[in-house]
Amino acid sequence: MPLGKGDLIAGYALAFGALAVVQSALATGLAV
């Protein structure tokens, strides 16, 4: 489809980055 490789990689990074925010927030709050 008209989807560039940069769009695909950026979309994956955005999706997993959103989960990384939740993951980091929970781990930091638990540790501190």
PDB file of all heavy atoms in Angstrom:
ATOM      1  N   MET A   1       0.843  -1.182   0.000  1.00  0.00           N
ATOM      2  CA  MET A   1       0.000   0.000   0.000  1.00  0.00           C
ATOM      3  C   MET A   1       0.887   1.245   0.000  1.00  0.00           C
ATOM      4  O   MET A   1       2.102   1.151   0.184  1.00  0.00           O
ATOM      5  CB  MET A   1      -0.916  -0.020   1.233  1.00  0.00           C
ATOM      6  CG  MET A   1      -1.843  -1.218   1.284  1.00  0.00           C
ATOM      7  SD  MET A   1      -3.050  -1.099   2.634  1.00  0.00           S
ATOM      8  CE  MET A   1      -1.964  -1.054   4.050  1.00  0.00           C
ATOM      9  N   PRO A   2       0.309   2.420  -0.209  1.00  0.00           N
ATOM     10  CA  PRO A   2       1.124   3.649  -0.152  1.00  0.00           C
ATOM     11  C   PRO A   2       1.560   3.973   1.274  1.00  0.00           C
ATOM     12  O   PRO A   2       1.125   4.939   1.893  1.00  0.00           O
ATOM     13  CB  PRO A   2       0.180   4.717  -0.722  1.00  0.00           C
ATOM     14  CG  PRO A   2      -1.189   4.186  -0.507  1.00  0.00           C
ATOM     15  CD  PRO A   2      -1.083   2.696  -0.633  1.00  0.00           C
ATOM     16  N   LEU A   3       2.422   3.129   1.810  1.00  0.00           N
ATOM     17  CA  LEU A   3       2.916   3.268   3.172  1.00  0.00           C
ATOM     18  C   LEU A   3       4.425   3.129   3.139  1.00  0.00           C
ATOM     19  O   LEU A   3       4.948   2.087   2.731  1.00  0.00           O
ATOM     20  CB  LEU A   3       2.305   2.195   4.080  1.00  0.00           C
ATOM     21  CG  LEU A   3       2.723   2.211   5.555  1.00  0.00           C
ATOM     22  CD1 LEU A   3       2.151   3.430   6.266  1.00  0.00           C
ATOM     23  CD2 LEU A   3       2.271   0.929   6.243  1.00  0.00           C
ATOM     24  N   GLY A   4       5.130   4.179   3.517  1.00  0.00           N
ATOM     25  CA  GLY A   4       6.577   4.139   3.504  1.00  0.00           C
ATOM     26  C   GLY A   4       7.138   3.351   4.671  1.00  0.00           C
ATOM     27  O   GLY A   4       6.472   3.122   5.681  1.00  0.00           O
ATOM     28  N   LYS A   5       8.407   2.928   4.521  1.00  0.00           N
ATOM     29  CA  LYS A   5       9.056   2.204   5.605  1.00  0.00           C
ATOM     30  C   LYS A   5       9.205   3.086   6.842  1.00  0.00           C
ATOM     31  O   LYS A   5       9.098   2.611   7.971  1.00  0.00           O
ATOM     32  CB  LYS A   5      10.427   1.696   5.150  1.00  0.00           C
ATOM     33  CG  LYS A   5      10.366   0.623   4.087  1.00  0.00           C
ATOM     34  CD  LYS A   5      11.756   0.127   3.732  1.00  0.00           C
ATOM     35  CE  LYS A   5      11.714  -0.984   2.710  1.00  0.00           C
ATOM     36  NZ  LYS A   5      13.071  -1.481   2.361  1.00  0.00           N
ATOM     37  N   GLY A   6       9.456   4.384   6.613  1.00  0.00           N
ATOM     38  CA  GLY A   6       9.564   5.299   7.741  1.00  0.00           C
ATOM     39  C   GLY A   6       8.261   5.417   8.515  1.00  0.00           C
ATOM     40  O   GLY A   6       8.254   5.470   9.749  1.00  0.00           O
ATOM     41  N   ASP A   7       7.127   5.448   7.788  1.00  0.00           N
ATOM     42  CA  ASP A   7       5.821   5.490   8.454  1.00  0.00           C
ATOM     43  C   ASP A   7       5.600   4.228   9.280  1.00  0.00           C
ATOM     44  O   ASP A   7       5.065   4.289  10.393  1.00  0.00           O
ATOM     45  CB  ASP A   7       4.704   5.624   7.412  1.00  0.00           C
ATOM     46  CG  ASP A   7       4.791   6.927   6.641  1.00  0.00           C
ATOM     47  OD1 ASP A   7       5.110   7.950   7.265  1.00  0.00           O
ATOM     48  OD2 ASP A   7       4.560   6.914   5.420  1.00  0.00           O
ATOM     49  N   LEU A   8       5.997   3.081   8.723  1.00  0.00           N
ATOM     50  CA  LEU A   8       5.786   1.821   9.427  1.00  0.00           C
ATOM     51  C   LEU A   8       6.628   1.752  10.699  1.00  0.00           C
ATOM     52  O   LEU A   8       6.126   1.420  11.779  1.00  0.00           O
ATOM     53  CB  LEU A   8       6.122   0.660   8.500  1.00  0.00           C
ATOM     54  CG  LEU A   8       5.796  -0.734   9.015  1.00  0.00           C
ATOM     55  CD1 LEU A   8       4.295  -0.906   9.168  1.00  0.00           C
ATOM     56  CD2 LEU A   8       6.342  -1.796   8.079  1.00  0.00           C
ATOM     57  N   ILE A   9       7.912   2.098  10.597  1.00  0.00           N
ATOM     58  CA  ILE A   9       8.791   2.049  11.759  1.00  0.00           C
ATOM     59  C   ILE A   9       8.354   3.072  12.801  1.00  0.00           C
ATOM     60  O   ILE A   9       8.335   2.788  14.009  1.00  0.00           O
ATOM     61  CB  ILE A   9      10.244   2.281  11.323  1.00  0.00           C
ATOM     62  CG1 ILE A   9      10.750   1.096  10.508  1.00  0.00           C
ATOM     63  CG2 ILE A   9      11.137   2.507  12.531  1.00  0.00           C
ATOM     64  CD1 ILE A   9      10.860  -0.186  11.288  1.00  0.00           C
ATOM     65  N   ALA A  10       7.996   4.275  12.347  1.00  0.00           N
ATOM     66  CA  ALA A  10       7.546   5.300  13.289  1.00  0.00           C
ATOM     67  C   ALA A  10       6.247   4.892  13.977  1.00  0.00           C
ATOM     68  O   ALA A  10       6.043   5.174  15.166  1.00  0.00           O
ATOM     69  CB  ALA A  10       7.362   6.638  12.563  1.00  0.00           C
ATOM     70  N   GLY A  11       5.348   4.217  13.244  1.00  0.00           N
ATOM     71  CA  GLY A  11       4.114   3.743  13.857  1.00  0.00           C
ATOM     72  C   GLY A  11       4.364   2.692  14.921  1.00  0.00           C
ATOM     73  O   GLY A  11       3.759   2.721  16.003  1.00  0.00           O
ATOM     74  N   TYR A  12       5.275   1.761  14.629  1.00  0.00           N
ATOM     75  CA  TYR A  12       5.641   0.756  15.634  1.00  0.00           C
ATOM     76  C   TYR A  12       6.283   1.421  16.854  1.00  0.00           C
ATOM     77  O   TYR A  12       5.982   1.065  18.001  1.00  0.00           O
ATOM     78  CB  TYR A  12       6.602  -0.261  15.033  1.00  0.00           C
ATOM     79  CG  TYR A  12       5.928  -1.406  14.333  1.00  0.00           C
ATOM     80  CD1 TYR A  12       5.667  -1.369  12.967  1.00  0.00           C
ATOM     81  CD2 TYR A  12       5.532  -2.541  15.029  1.00  0.00           C
ATOM     82  CE1 TYR A  12       5.050  -2.420  12.318  1.00  0.00           C
ATOM     83  CE2 TYR A  12       4.911  -3.597  14.392  1.00  0.00           C
ATOM     84  CZ  TYR A  12       4.679  -3.534  13.044  1.00  0.00           C
ATOM     85  OH  TYR A  12       4.055  -4.576  12.407  1.00  0.00           O
ATOM     86  N   ALA A  13       7.189   2.367  16.603  1.00  0.00           N
ATOM     87  CA  ALA A  13       7.848   3.044  17.722  1.00  0.00           C
ATOM     88  C   ALA A  13       6.844   3.827  18.553  1.00  0.00           C
ATOM     89  O   ALA A  13       6.940   3.870  19.795  1.00  0.00           O
ATOM     90  CB  ALA A  13       8.937   3.975  17.187  1.00  0.00           C
ATOM     91  N   LEU A  14       5.857   4.436  17.895  1.00  0.00           N
ATOM     92  CA  LEU A  14       4.846   5.191  18.636  1.00  0.00           C
ATOM     93  C   LEU A  14       3.980   4.270  19.489  1.00  0.00           C
ATOM     94  O   LEU A  14       3.670   4.574  20.652  1.00  0.00           O
ATOM     95  CB  LEU A  14       3.977   5.976  17.649  1.00  0.00           C
ATOM     96  CG  LEU A  14       2.914   6.903  18.240  1.00  0.00           C
ATOM     97  CD1 LEU A  14       3.571   7.979  19.099  1.00  0.00           C
ATOM     98  CD2 LEU A  14       2.090   7.551  17.124  1.00  0.00           C
ATOM     99  N   ALA A  15       3.595   3.128  18.921  1.00  0.00           N
ATOM    100  CA  ALA A  15       2.749   2.190  19.671  1.00  0.00           C
ATOM    101  C   ALA A  15       3.492   1.603  20.866  1.00  0.00           C
ATOM    102  O   ALA A  15       2.998   1.623  22.005  1.00  0.00           O
ATOM    103  CB  ALA A  15       2.264   1.081  18.746  1.00  0.00           C
ATOM    104  N   PHE A  16       4.684   1.092  20.630  1.00  0.00           N
ATOM    105  CA  PHE A  16       5.446   0.513  21.737  1.00  0.00           C
ATOM    106  C   PHE A  16       5.970   1.588  22.684  1.00  0.00           C
ATOM    107  O   PHE A  16       6.184   1.321  23.865  1.00  0.00           O
ATOM    108  CB  PHE A  16       6.607  -0.317  21.191  1.00  0.00           C
ATOM    109  CG  PHE A  16       6.190  -1.617  20.582  1.00  0.00           C
ATOM    110  CD1 PHE A  16       6.214  -1.802  19.211  1.00  0.00           C
ATOM    111  CD2 PHE A  16       5.751  -2.664  21.383  1.00  0.00           C
ATOM    112  CE1 PHE A  16       5.822  -3.002  18.648  1.00  0.00           C
ATOM    113  CE2 PHE A  16       5.348  -3.868  20.832  1.00  0.00           C
ATOM    114  CZ  PHE A  16       5.388  -4.036  19.457  1.00  0.00           C
ATOM    115  N   GLY A  17       6.162   2.804  22.168  1.00  0.00           N
ATOM    116  CA  GLY A  17       6.537   3.899  23.057  1.00  0.00           C
ATOM    117  C   GLY A  17       5.430   4.257  24.029  1.00  0.00           C
ATOM    118  O   GLY A  17       5.694   4.597  25.198  1.00  0.00           O
ATOM    119  N   ALA A  18       4.176   4.179  23.570  1.00  0.00           N
ATOM    120  CA  ALA A  18       3.059   4.421  24.482  1.00  0.00           C
ATOM    121  C   ALA A  18       3.021   3.385  25.599  1.00  0.00           C
ATOM    122  O   ALA A  18       2.771   3.708  26.774  1.00  0.00           O
ATOM    123  CB  ALA A  18       1.747   4.419  23.704  1.00  0.00           C
ATOM    124  N   LEU A  19       3.285   2.126  25.236  1.00  0.00           N
ATOM    125  CA  LEU A  19       3.355   1.099  26.277  1.00  0.00           C
ATOM    126  C   LEU A  19       4.577   1.299  27.172  1.00  0.00           C
ATOM    127  O   LEU A  19       4.527   0.986  28.364  1.00  0.00           O
ATOM    128  CB  LEU A  19       3.411  -0.286  25.631  1.00  0.00           C
ATOM    129  CG  LEU A  19       2.143  -0.731  24.899  1.00  0.00           C
ATOM    130  CD1 LEU A  19       2.382  -2.058  24.188  1.00  0.00           C
ATOM    131  CD2 LEU A  19       0.974  -0.851  25.858  1.00  0.00           C
ATOM    132  N   ALA A  20       5.662   1.825  26.603  1.00  0.00           N
ATOM    133  CA  ALA A  20       6.854   2.087  27.408  1.00  0.00           C
ATOM    134  C   ALA A  20       6.592   3.161  28.457  1.00  0.00           C
ATOM    135  O   ALA A  20       7.155   3.113  29.559  1.00  0.00           O
ATOM    136  CB  ALA A  20       8.010   2.505  26.507  1.00  0.00           C
ATOM    137  N   VAL A  21       5.749   4.133  28.125  1.00  0.00           N
ATOM    138  CA  VAL A  21       5.394   5.168  29.114  1.00  0.00           C
ATOM    139  C   VAL A  21       4.685   4.530  30.307  1.00  0.00           C
ATOM    140  O   VAL A  21       4.999   4.815  31.475  1.00  0.00           O
ATOM    141  CB  VAL A  21       4.514   6.245  28.450  1.00  0.00           C
ATOM    142  CG1 VAL A  21       3.968   7.204  29.498  1.00  0.00           C
ATOM    143  CG2 VAL A  21       5.318   7.018  27.410  1.00  0.00           C
ATOM    144  N   VAL A  22       3.719   3.664  30.010  1.00  0.00           N
ATOM    145  CA  VAL A  22       2.997   2.987  31.093  1.00  0.00           C
ATOM    146  C   VAL A  22       3.940   2.103  31.894  1.00  0.00           C
ATOM    147  O   VAL A  22       3.913   2.079  33.142  1.00  0.00           O
ATOM    148  CB  VAL A  22       1.831   2.163  30.504  1.00  0.00           C
ATOM    149  CG1 VAL A  22       1.081   1.428  31.609  1.00  0.00           C
ATOM    150  CG2 VAL A  22       0.881   3.060  29.724  1.00  0.00           C
ATOM    151  N   GLN A  23       4.781   1.357  31.188  1.00  0.00           N
ATOM    152  CA  GLN A  23       5.724   0.465  31.849  1.00  0.00           C
ATOM    153  C   GLN A  23       6.682   1.233  32.752  1.00  0.00           C
ATOM    154  O   GLN A  23       6.888   0.870  33.927  1.00  0.00           O
ATOM    155  CB  GLN A  23       6.517  -0.302  30.801  1.00  0.00           C
ATOM    156  CG  GLN A  23       7.571  -1.241  31.348  1.00  0.00           C
ATOM    157  CD  GLN A  23       8.541  -1.663  30.260  1.00  0.00           C
ATOM    158  OE1 GLN A  23       9.356  -0.866  29.810  1.00  0.00           O
ATOM    159  NE2 GLN A  23       8.444  -2.912  29.846  1.00  0.00           N
ATOM    160  N   SER A  24       7.266   2.311  32.257  1.00  0.00           N
ATOM    161  CA  SER A  24       8.236   3.086  33.038  1.00  0.00           C
ATOM    162  C   SER A  24       7.570   3.771  34.223  1.00  0.00           C
ATOM    163  O   SER A  24       8.156   3.859  35.314  1.00  0.00           O
ATOM    164  CB  SER A  24       8.911   4.121  32.142  1.00  0.00           C
ATOM    165  OG  SER A  24       9.553   3.504  31.047  1.00  0.00           O
ATOM    166  N   ALA A  25       6.357   4.266  34.027  1.00  0.00           N
ATOM    167  CA  ALA A  25       5.660   4.934  35.120  1.00  0.00           C
ATOM    168  C   ALA A  25       5.347   3.957  36.255  1.00  0.00           C
ATOM    169  O   ALA A  25       5.535   4.272  37.437  1.00  0.00           O
ATOM    170  CB  ALA A  25       4.374   5.576  34.599  1.00  0.00           C
ATOM    171  N   LEU A  26       4.873   2.765  35.896  1.00  0.00           N
ATOM    172  CA  LEU A  26       4.568   1.775  36.931  1.00  0.00           C
ATOM    173  C   LEU A  26       5.833   1.315  37.660  1.00  0.00           C
ATOM    174  O   LEU A  26       5.850   1.209  38.896  1.00  0.00           O
ATOM    175  CB  LEU A  26       3.858   0.571  36.310  1.00  0.00           C
ATOM    176  CG  LEU A  26       2.417   0.798  35.845  1.00  0.00           C
ATOM    177  CD1 LEU A  26       1.871  -0.453  35.167  1.00  0.00           C
ATOM    178  CD2 LEU A  26       1.535   1.203  37.005  1.00  0.00           C
ATOM    179  N   ALA A  27       6.908   1.053  36.911  1.00  0.00           N
ATOM    180  CA  ALA A  27       8.143   0.582  37.535  1.00  0.00           C
ATOM    181  C   ALA A  27       8.763   1.660  38.423  1.00  0.00           C
ATOM    182  O   ALA A  27       9.233   1.364  39.535  1.00  0.00           O
ATOM    183  CB  ALA A  27       9.130   0.139  36.459  1.00  0.00           C
ATOM    184  N   THR A  28       8.761   2.904  37.972  1.00  0.00           N
ATOM    185  CA  THR A  28       9.328   3.989  38.780  1.00  0.00           C
ATOM    186  C   THR A  28       8.500   4.231  40.034  1.00  0.00           C
ATOM    187  O   THR A  28       9.050   4.411  41.135  1.00  0.00           O
ATOM    188  CB  THR A  28       9.406   5.276  37.943  1.00  0.00           C
ATOM    189  OG1 THR A  28      10.186   5.024  36.755  1.00  0.00           O
ATOM    190  CG2 THR A  28      10.068   6.397  38.731  1.00  0.00           C
ATOM    191  N   GLY A  29       7.189   4.257  39.874  1.00  0.00           N
ATOM    192  CA  GLY A  29       6.338   4.444  41.052  1.00  0.00           C
ATOM    193  C   GLY A  29       6.487   3.323  42.056  1.00  0.00           C
ATOM    194  O   GLY A  29       6.521   3.564  43.277  1.00  0.00           O
ATOM    195  N   LEU A  30       6.606   2.085  41.572  1.00  0.00           N
ATOM    196  CA  LEU A  30       6.791   0.949  42.478  1.00  0.00           C
ATOM    197  C   LEU A  30       8.120   1.049  43.215  1.00  0.00           C
ATOM    198  O   LEU A  30       8.179   0.826  44.442  1.00  0.00           O
ATOM    199  CB  LEU A  30       6.725  -0.354  41.687  1.00  0.00           C
ATOM    200  CG  LEU A  30       7.006  -1.640  42.470  1.00  0.00           C
ATOM    201  CD1 LEU A  30       5.891  -1.915  43.473  1.00  0.00           C
ATOM    202  CD2 LEU A  30       7.171  -2.821  41.516  1.00  0.00           C
ATOM    203  N   ALA A  31       9.190   1.388  42.487  1.00  0.00           N
ATOM    204  CA  ALA A  31      10.515   1.425  43.102  1.00  0.00           C
ATOM    205  C   ALA A  31      10.653   2.563  44.108  1.00  0.00           C
ATOM    206  O   ALA A  31      11.237   2.388  45.192  1.00  0.00           O
ATOM    207  CB  ALA A  31      11.587   1.545  42.025  1.00  0.00           C
ATOM    208  N   VAL A  32      10.117   3.723  43.796  1.00  0.00           N
ATOM    209  CA  VAL A  32      10.338   4.907  44.642  1.00  0.00           C
ATOM    210  C   VAL A  32       9.354   4.954  45.801  1.00  0.00           C
ATOM    211  O   VAL A  32       9.734   5.169  46.962  1.00  0.00           O
ATOM    212  CB  VAL A  32      10.253   6.186  43.777  1.00  0.00           C
ATOM    213  CG1 VAL A  32      10.328   7.438  44.651  1.00  0.00           C
ATOM    214  CG2 VAL A  32      11.364   6.198  42.743  1.00  0.00           C
TER     215      VAL A  32
END
